[in-house]
Amino acid sequence: MAQRKPEDQTTFDQVLKLVENLTPEAQEQLIEEMKLQWLRRELGKAEDELRRGEGVPGDQVFAELRERNNAVREKGGTD
């Protein structure tokens, strides 16, 4: 696919106007698709980190989660 020339680029305002013209259902679909794309990007980053050995051992993660959960319970909160 050929790259567009800078003067042919769609501006943010143009995109917003296009989104405003969508039906509420289409806007919701767009939002969900954007969330999925974001999640896929973040998962890709996490996979890259794991390949580089930058991950945190599962036992450590679960121990930290238990500590946080216990701290919240002791405070009597639901955070």
PDB file of N, CA and C in Angstrom:
ATOM      1  N   MET A   1       0.847  -1.177   0.000  1.00  0.00           N
ATOM      2  CA  MET A   1       0.000   0.000   0.000  1.00  0.00           C
ATOM      3  C   MET A   1       0.894   1.242   0.000  1.00  0.00           C
ATOM      4  N   ALA A   2       0.636   2.156  -0.859  1.00  0.00           N
ATOM      5  CA  ALA A   2       1.449   3.365  -0.984  1.00  0.00           C
ATOM      6  C   ALA A   2       1.179   4.288   0.194  1.00  0.00           C
ATOM      7  N   GLN A   3       2.261   4.938   0.657  1.00  0.00           N
ATOM      8  CA  GLN A   3       2.090   5.900   1.742  1.00  0.00           C
ATOM      9  C   GLN A   3       1.489   7.180   1.202  1.00  0.00           C
ATOM     10  N   ARG A   4       0.670   7.794   2.037  1.00  0.00           N
ATOM     11  CA  ARG A   4       0.036   9.047   1.646  1.00  0.00           C
ATOM     12  C   ARG A   4       1.013  10.184   1.841  1.00  0.00           C
ATOM     13  N   LYS A   5       0.874  11.185   1.019  1.00  0.00           N
ATOM     14  CA  LYS A   5       1.673  12.396   1.152  1.00  0.00           C
ATOM     15  C   LYS A   5       1.181  13.158   2.378  1.00  0.00           C
ATOM     16  N   PRO A   6       2.055  13.929   3.038  1.00  0.00           N
ATOM     17  CA  PRO A   6       1.630  14.666   4.240  1.00  0.00           C
ATOM     18  C   PRO A   6       0.373  15.505   4.018  1.00  0.00           C
ATOM     19  N   GLU A   7       0.251  16.124   2.850  1.00  0.00           N
ATOM     20  CA  GLU A   7      -0.943  16.957   2.629  1.00  0.00           C
ATOM     21  C   GLU A   7      -2.213  16.127   2.455  1.00  0.00           C
ATOM     22  N   ASP A   8      -2.064  14.810   2.215  1.00  0.00           N
ATOM     23  CA  ASP A   8      -3.210  13.920   2.064  1.00  0.00           C
ATOM     24  C   ASP A   8      -3.606  13.252   3.380  1.00  0.00           C
ATOM     25  N   GLN A   9      -2.825  13.474   4.443  1.00  0.00           N
ATOM     26  CA  GLN A   9      -3.087  12.823   5.719  1.00  0.00           C
ATOM     27  C   GLN A   9      -4.411  13.317   6.311  1.00  0.00           C
ATOM     28  N   THR A  10      -5.132  12.394   6.900  1.00  0.00           N
ATOM     29  CA  THR A  10      -6.375  12.735   7.583  1.00  0.00           C
ATOM     30  C   THR A  10      -6.026  13.349   8.930  1.00  0.00           C
ATOM     31  N   THR A  11      -6.658  14.464   9.251  1.00  0.00           N
ATOM     32  CA  THR A  11      -6.378  15.128  10.517  1.00  0.00           C
ATOM     33  C   THR A  11      -7.224  14.517  11.631  1.00  0.00           C
ATOM     34  N   PHE A  12      -6.811  14.767  12.843  1.00  0.00           N
ATOM     35  CA  PHE A  12      -7.549  14.294  14.011  1.00  0.00           C
ATOM     36  C   PHE A  12      -8.976  14.838  13.998  1.00  0.00           C
ATOM     37  N   ASP A  13      -9.128  16.111  13.671  1.00  0.00           N
ATOM     38  CA  ASP A  13     -10.471  16.714  13.617  1.00  0.00           C
ATOM     39  C   ASP A  13     -11.344  16.032  12.572  1.00  0.00           C
ATOM     40  N   GLN A  14     -10.749  15.668  11.436  1.00  0.00           N
ATOM     41  CA  GLN A  14     -11.511  14.971  10.400  1.00  0.00           C
ATOM     42  C   GLN A  14     -11.972  13.607  10.901  1.00  0.00           C
ATOM     43  N   VAL A  15     -11.104  12.931  11.605  1.00  0.00           N
ATOM     44  CA  VAL A  15     -11.461  11.622  12.153  1.00  0.00           C
ATOM     45  C   VAL A  15     -12.595  11.778  13.165  1.00  0.00           C
ATOM     46  N   LEU A  16     -12.496  12.775  14.033  1.00  0.00           N
ATOM     47  CA  LEU A  16     -13.556  12.998  15.018  1.00  0.00           C
ATOM     48  C   LEU A  16     -14.903  13.258  14.344  1.00  0.00           C
ATOM     49  N   LYS A  17     -14.896  14.035  13.279  1.00  0.00           N
ATOM     50  CA  LYS A  17     -16.140  14.312  12.564  1.00  0.00           C
ATOM     51  C   LYS A  17     -16.719  13.034  11.964  1.00  0.00           C
ATOM     52  N   LEU A  18     -15.852  12.189  11.436  1.00  0.00           N
ATOM     53  CA  LEU A  18     -16.319  10.909  10.886  1.00  0.00           C
ATOM     54  C   LEU A  18     -16.931  10.044  11.982  1.00  0.00           C
ATOM     55  N   VAL A  19     -16.284  10.004  13.142  1.00  0.00           N
ATOM     56  CA  VAL A  19     -16.797   9.197  14.255  1.00  0.00           C
ATOM     57  C   VAL A  19     -18.137   9.741  14.733  1.00  0.00           C
ATOM     58  N   GLU A  20     -18.264  11.049  14.788  1.00  0.00           N
ATOM     59  CA  GLU A  20     -19.527  11.658  15.218  1.00  0.00           C
ATOM     60  C   GLU A  20     -20.675  11.292  14.286  1.00  0.00           C
ATOM     61  N   ASN A  21     -20.368  11.023  13.024  1.00  0.00           N
ATOM     62  CA  ASN A  21     -21.402  10.681  12.057  1.00  0.00           C
ATOM     63  C   ASN A  21     -21.806   9.206  12.103  1.00  0.00           C
ATOM     64  N   LEU A  22     -21.082   8.402  12.880  1.00  0.00           N
ATOM     65  CA  LEU A  22     -21.432   6.996  13.011  1.00  0.00           C
ATOM     66  C   LEU A  22     -22.667   6.838  13.894  1.00  0.00           C
ATOM     67  N   THR A  23     -23.362   5.746  13.702  1.00  0.00           N
ATOM     68  CA  THR A  23     -24.482   5.436  14.597  1.00  0.00           C
ATOM     69  C   THR A  23     -23.908   5.103  15.974  1.00  0.00           C
ATOM     70  N   PRO A  24     -24.728   5.204  17.015  1.00  0.00           N
ATOM     71  CA  PRO A  24     -24.236   4.823  18.348  1.00  0.00           C
ATOM     72  C   PRO A  24     -23.697   3.381  18.378  1.00  0.00           C
ATOM     73  N   GLU A  25     -24.347   2.490  17.655  1.00  0.00           N
ATOM     74  CA  GLU A  25     -23.890   1.103  17.610  1.00  0.00           C
ATOM     75  C   GLU A  25     -22.521   1.002  16.944  1.00  0.00           C
ATOM     76  N   ALA A  26     -22.322   1.732  15.855  1.00  0.00           N
ATOM     77  CA  ALA A  26     -21.043   1.716  15.155  1.00  0.00           C
ATOM     78  C   ALA A  26     -19.955   2.361  16.016  1.00  0.00           C
ATOM     79  N   GLN A  27     -20.315   3.408  16.765  1.00  0.00           N
ATOM     80  CA  GLN A  27     -19.346   4.027  17.675  1.00  0.00           C
ATOM     81  C   GLN A  27     -18.915   3.026  18.738  1.00  0.00           C
ATOM     82  N   GLU A  28     -19.867   2.265  19.270  1.00  0.00           N
ATOM     83  CA  GLU A  28     -19.549   1.266  20.283  1.00  0.00           C
ATOM     84  C   GLU A  28     -18.655   0.175  19.699  1.00  0.00           C
ATOM     85  N   GLN A  29     -18.931  -0.240  18.464  1.00  0.00           N
ATOM     86  CA  GLN A  29     -18.081  -1.233  17.803  1.00  0.00           C
ATOM     87  C   GLN A  29     -16.661  -0.693  17.628  1.00  0.00           C
ATOM     88  N   LEU A  30     -16.555   0.560  17.252  1.00  0.00           N
ATOM     89  CA  LEU A  30     -15.250   1.191  17.079  1.00  0.00           C
ATOM     90  C   LEU A  30     -14.481   1.211  18.396  1.00  0.00           C
ATOM     91  N   ILE A  31     -15.166   1.571  19.464  1.00  0.00           N
ATOM     92  CA  ILE A  31     -14.535   1.602  20.784  1.00  0.00           C
ATOM     93  C   ILE A  31     -14.024   0.217  21.162  1.00  0.00           C
ATOM     94  N   GLU A  32     -14.861  -0.798  20.964  1.00  0.00           N
ATOM     95  CA  GLU A  32     -14.466  -2.166  21.309  1.00  0.00           C
ATOM     96  C   GLU A  32     -13.279  -2.621  20.465  1.00  0.00           C
ATOM     97  N   GLU A  33     -13.266  -2.266  19.191  1.00  0.00           N
ATOM     98  CA  GLU A  33     -12.152  -2.636  18.320  1.00  0.00           C
ATOM     99  C   GLU A  33     -10.868  -1.931  18.756  1.00  0.00           C
ATOM    100  N   MET A  34     -10.984  -0.681  19.150  1.00  0.00           N
ATOM    101  CA  MET A  34      -9.805   0.052  19.621  1.00  0.00           C
ATOM    102  C   MET A  34      -9.266  -0.563  20.907  1.00  0.00           C
ATOM    103  N   LYS A  35     -10.170  -0.984  21.803  1.00  0.00           N
ATOM    104  CA  LYS A  35      -9.746  -1.648  23.036  1.00  0.00           C
ATOM    105  C   LYS A  35      -9.002  -2.942  22.710  1.00  0.00           C
ATOM    106  N   LEU A  36      -9.536  -3.711  21.759  1.00  0.00           N
ATOM    107  CA  LEU A  36      -8.880  -4.956  21.367  1.00  0.00           C
ATOM    108  C   LEU A  36      -7.498  -4.697  20.780  1.00  0.00           C
ATOM    109  N   GLN A  37      -7.389  -3.691  19.934  1.00  0.00           N
ATOM    110  CA  GLN A  37      -6.088  -3.360  19.346  1.00  0.00           C
ATOM    111  C   GLN A  37      -5.099  -2.947  20.431  1.00  0.00           C
ATOM    112  N   TRP A  38      -5.545  -2.157  21.398  1.00  0.00           N
ATOM    113  CA  TRP A  38      -4.679  -1.747  22.492  1.00  0.00           C
ATOM    114  C   TRP A  38      -4.219  -2.968  23.288  1.00  0.00           C
ATOM    115  N   LEU A  39      -5.170  -3.856  23.600  1.00  0.00           N
ATOM    116  CA  LEU A  39      -4.844  -5.042  24.372  1.00  0.00           C
ATOM    117  C   LEU A  39      -3.842  -5.928  23.628  1.00  0.00           C
ATOM    118  N   ARG A  40      -4.026  -6.090  22.331  1.00  0.00           N
ATOM    119  CA  ARG A  40      -3.085  -6.895  21.537  1.00  0.00           C
ATOM    120  C   ARG A  40      -1.687  -6.274  21.544  1.00  0.00           C
ATOM    121  N   ARG A  41      -1.617  -4.951  21.441  1.00  0.00           N
ATOM    122  CA  ARG A  41      -0.311  -4.269  21.489  1.00  0.00           C
ATOM    123  C   ARG A  41       0.361  -4.494  22.837  1.00  0.00           C
ATOM    124  N   GLU A  42      -0.416  -4.338  23.916  1.00  0.00           N
ATOM    125  CA  GLU A  42       0.143  -4.512  25.251  1.00  0.00           C
ATOM    126  C   GLU A  42       0.587  -5.950  25.475  1.00  0.00           C
ATOM    127  N   LEU A  43      -0.188  -6.917  24.992  1.00  0.00           N
ATOM    128  CA  LEU A  43       0.209  -8.321  25.118  1.00  0.00           C
ATOM    129  C   LEU A  43       1.480  -8.594  24.326  1.00  0.00           C
ATOM    130  N   GLY A  44       1.595  -7.977  23.158  1.00  0.00           N
ATOM    131  CA  GLY A  44       2.805  -8.121  22.358  1.00  0.00           C
ATOM    132  C   GLY A  44       4.023  -7.583  23.097  1.00  0.00           C
ATOM    133  N   LYS A  45       3.861  -6.439  23.752  1.00  0.00           N
ATOM    134  CA  LYS A  45       4.956  -5.867  24.538  1.00  0.00           C
ATOM    135  C   LYS A  45       5.335  -6.815  25.677  1.00  0.00           C
ATOM    136  N   ALA A  46       4.329  -7.366  26.349  1.00  0.00           N
ATOM    137  CA  ALA A  46       4.584  -8.277  27.464  1.00  0.00           C
ATOM    138  C   ALA A  46       5.303  -9.536  26.983  1.00  0.00           C
ATOM    139  N   GLU A  47       4.891 -10.056  25.824  1.00  0.00           N
ATOM    140  CA  GLU A  47       5.562 -11.232  25.265  1.00  0.00           C
ATOM    141  C   GLU A  47       7.022 -10.918  24.953  1.00  0.00           C
ATOM    142  N   ASP A  48       7.275  -9.739  24.409  1.00  0.00           N
ATOM    143  CA  ASP A  48       8.648  -9.333  24.121  1.00  0.00           C
ATOM    144  C   ASP A  48       9.479  -9.263  25.402  1.00  0.00           C
ATOM    145  N   GLU A  49       8.897  -8.712  26.464  1.00  0.00           N
ATOM    146  CA  GLU A  49       9.601  -8.617  27.744  1.00  0.00           C
ATOM    147  C   GLU A  49       9.927 -10.011  28.282  1.00  0.00           C
ATOM    148  N   LEU A  50       8.974 -10.933  28.166  1.00  0.00           N
ATOM    149  CA  LEU A  50       9.208 -12.292  28.644  1.00  0.00           C
ATOM    150  C   LEU A  50      10.318 -12.970  27.851  1.00  0.00           C
ATOM    151  N   ARG A  51      10.342 -12.759  26.540  1.00  0.00           N
ATOM    152  CA  ARG A  51      11.399 -13.336  25.710  1.00  0.00           C
ATOM    153  C   ARG A  51      12.778 -12.815  26.110  1.00  0.00           C
ATOM    154  N   ARG A  52      12.822 -11.560  26.578  1.00  0.00           N
ATOM    155  CA  ARG A  52      14.091 -10.963  26.999  1.00  0.00           C
ATOM    156  C   ARG A  52      14.433 -11.338  28.441  1.00  0.00           C
ATOM    157  N   GLY A  53      13.572 -12.128  29.075  1.00  0.00           N
ATOM    158  CA  GLY A  53      13.814 -12.551  30.455  1.00  0.00           C
ATOM    159  C   GLY A  53      13.478 -11.504  31.484  1.00  0.00           C
ATOM    160  N   GLU A  54      12.605 -10.563  31.130  1.00  0.00           N
ATOM    161  CA  GLU A  54      12.255  -9.466  32.033  1.00  0.00           C
ATOM    162  C   GLU A  54      10.998  -9.738  32.849  1.00  0.00           C
ATOM    163  N   GLY A  55      10.491 -10.945  32.788  1.00  0.00           N
ATOM    164  CA  GLY A  55       9.261 -11.269  33.504  1.00  0.00           C
ATOM    165  C   GLY A  55       9.489 -11.427  34.994  1.00  0.00           C
ATOM    166  N   VAL A  56       8.396 -11.463  35.741  1.00  0.00           N
ATOM    167  CA  VAL A  56       8.431 -11.672  37.188  1.00  0.00           C
ATOM    168  C   VAL A  56       7.891 -13.077  37.442  1.00  0.00           C
ATOM    169  N   PRO A  57       8.590 -13.869  38.253  1.00  0.00           N
ATOM    170  CA  PRO A  57       8.109 -15.231  38.539  1.00  0.00           C
ATOM    171  C   PRO A  57       6.689 -15.219  39.111  1.00  0.00           C
ATOM    172  N   GLY A  58       5.882 -16.164  38.680  1.00  0.00           N
ATOM    173  CA  GLY A  58       4.486 -16.239  39.107  1.00  0.00           C
ATOM    174  C   GLY A  58       4.325 -16.295  40.610  1.00  0.00           C
ATOM    175  N   ASP A  59       5.187 -17.063  41.288  1.00  0.00           N
ATOM    176  CA  ASP A  59       5.095 -17.158  42.752  1.00  0.00           C
ATOM    177  C   ASP A  59       5.234 -15.786  43.399  1.00  0.00           C
ATOM    178  N   GLN A  60       6.129 -14.976  42.873  1.00  0.00           N
ATOM    179  CA  GLN A  60       6.335 -13.633  43.417  1.00  0.00           C
ATOM    180  C   GLN A  60       5.103 -12.764  43.181  1.00  0.00           C
ATOM    181  N   VAL A  61       4.542 -12.850  41.990  1.00  0.00           N
ATOM    182  CA  VAL A  61       3.350 -12.050  41.662  1.00  0.00           C
ATOM    183  C   VAL A  61       2.200 -12.404  42.597  1.00  0.00           C
ATOM    184  N   PHE A  62       1.960 -13.722  42.764  1.00  0.00           N
ATOM    185  CA  PHE A  62       0.838 -14.137  43.613  1.00  0.00           C
ATOM    186  C   PHE A  62       1.077 -13.777  45.074  1.00  0.00           C
ATOM    187  N   ALA A  63       2.321 -13.840  45.528  1.00  0.00           N
ATOM    188  CA  ALA A  63       2.625 -13.435  46.906  1.00  0.00           C
ATOM    189  C   ALA A  63       2.323 -11.950  47.101  1.00  0.00           C
ATOM    190  N   GLU A  64       2.699 -11.120  46.127  1.00  0.00           N
ATOM    191  CA  GLU A  64       2.419  -9.686  46.219  1.00  0.00           C
ATOM    192  C   GLU A  64       0.920  -9.415  46.187  1.00  0.00           C
ATOM    193  N   LEU A  65       0.190 -10.152  45.359  1.00  0.00           N
ATOM    194  CA  LEU A  65      -1.267  -9.983  45.306  1.00  0.00           C
ATOM    195  C   LEU A  65      -1.908 -10.371  46.636  1.00  0.00           C
ATOM    196  N   ARG A  66      -1.426 -11.456  47.245  1.00  0.00           N
ATOM    197  CA  ARG A  66      -1.961 -11.864  48.549  1.00  0.00           C
ATOM    198  C   ARG A  66      -1.699 -10.779  49.597  1.00  0.00           C
ATOM    199  N   GLU A  67      -0.488 -10.211  49.566  1.00  0.00           N
ATOM    200  CA  GLU A  67      -0.150  -9.144  50.517  1.00  0.00           C
ATOM    201  C   GLU A  67      -1.080  -7.948  50.346  1.00  0.00           C
ATOM    202  N   ARG A  68      -1.301  -7.549  49.108  1.00  0.00           N
ATOM    203  CA  ARG A  68      -2.199  -6.406  48.847  1.00  0.00           C
ATOM    204  C   ARG A  68      -3.608  -6.717  49.326  1.00  0.00           C
ATOM    205  N   ASN A  69      -4.077  -7.923  49.018  1.00  0.00           N
ATOM    206  CA  ASN A  69      -5.427  -8.327  49.410  1.00  0.00           C
ATOM    207  C   ASN A  69      -5.560  -8.307  50.932  1.00  0.00           C
ATOM    208  N   ASN A  70      -4.564  -8.832  51.623  1.00  0.00           N
ATOM    209  CA  ASN A  70      -4.595  -8.835  53.091  1.00  0.00           C
ATOM    210  C   ASN A  70      -4.582  -7.417  53.643  1.00  0.00           C
ATOM    211  N   ALA A  71      -3.784  -6.540  53.065  1.00  0.00           N
ATOM    212  CA  ALA A  71      -3.713  -5.156  53.528  1.00  0.00           C
ATOM    213  C   ALA A  71      -5.072  -4.456  53.368  1.00  0.00           C
ATOM    214  N   VAL A  72      -5.717  -4.704  52.240  1.00  0.00           N
ATOM    215  CA  VAL A  72      -7.027  -4.089  51.995  1.00  0.00           C
ATOM    216  C   VAL A  72      -8.043  -4.624  52.989  1.00  0.00           C
ATOM    217  N   ARG A  73      -8.014  -5.920  53.242  1.00  0.00           N
ATOM    218  CA  ARG A  73      -8.952  -6.518  54.199  1.00  0.00           C
ATOM    219  C   ARG A  73      -8.736  -5.957  55.606  1.00  0.00           C
ATOM    220  N   GLU A  74      -7.471  -5.783  55.980  1.00  0.00           N
ATOM    221  CA  GLU A  74      -7.179  -5.243  57.320  1.00  0.00           C
ATOM    222  C   GLU A  74      -7.703  -3.817  57.464  1.00  0.00           C
ATOM    223  N   LYS A  75      -7.649  -3.048  56.377  1.00  0.00           N
ATOM    224  CA  LYS A  75      -8.177  -1.683  56.403  1.00  0.00           C
ATOM    225  C   LYS A  75      -9.693  -1.681  56.400  1.00  0.00           C
ATOM    226  N   GLY A  76     -10.284  -2.786  55.947  1.00  0.00           N
ATOM    227  CA  GLY A  76     -11.737  -2.853  55.867  1.00  0.00           C
ATOM    228  C   GLY A  76     -12.271  -2.230  54.591  1.00  0.00           C
ATOM    229  N   GLY A  77     -11.400  -1.998  53.614  1.00  0.00           N
ATOM    230  CA  GLY A  77     -11.807  -1.388  52.340  1.00  0.00           C
ATOM    231  C   GLY A  77     -12.002  -2.425  51.266  1.00  0.00           C
ATOM    232  N   THR A  78     -12.411  -1.924  50.082  1.00  0.00           N
ATOM    233  CA  THR A  78     -12.644  -2.804  48.941  1.00  0.00           C
ATOM    234  C   THR A  78     -11.723  -2.450  47.786  1.00  0.00           C
ATOM    235  N   ASP A  79     -10.693  -1.626  48.032  1.00  0.00           N
ATOM    236  CA  ASP A  79      -9.761  -1.213  46.963  1.00  0.00           C
ATOM    237  C   ASP A  79      -9.051  -2.389  46.405  1.00  0.00           C
TER     238      ASP A  79
END
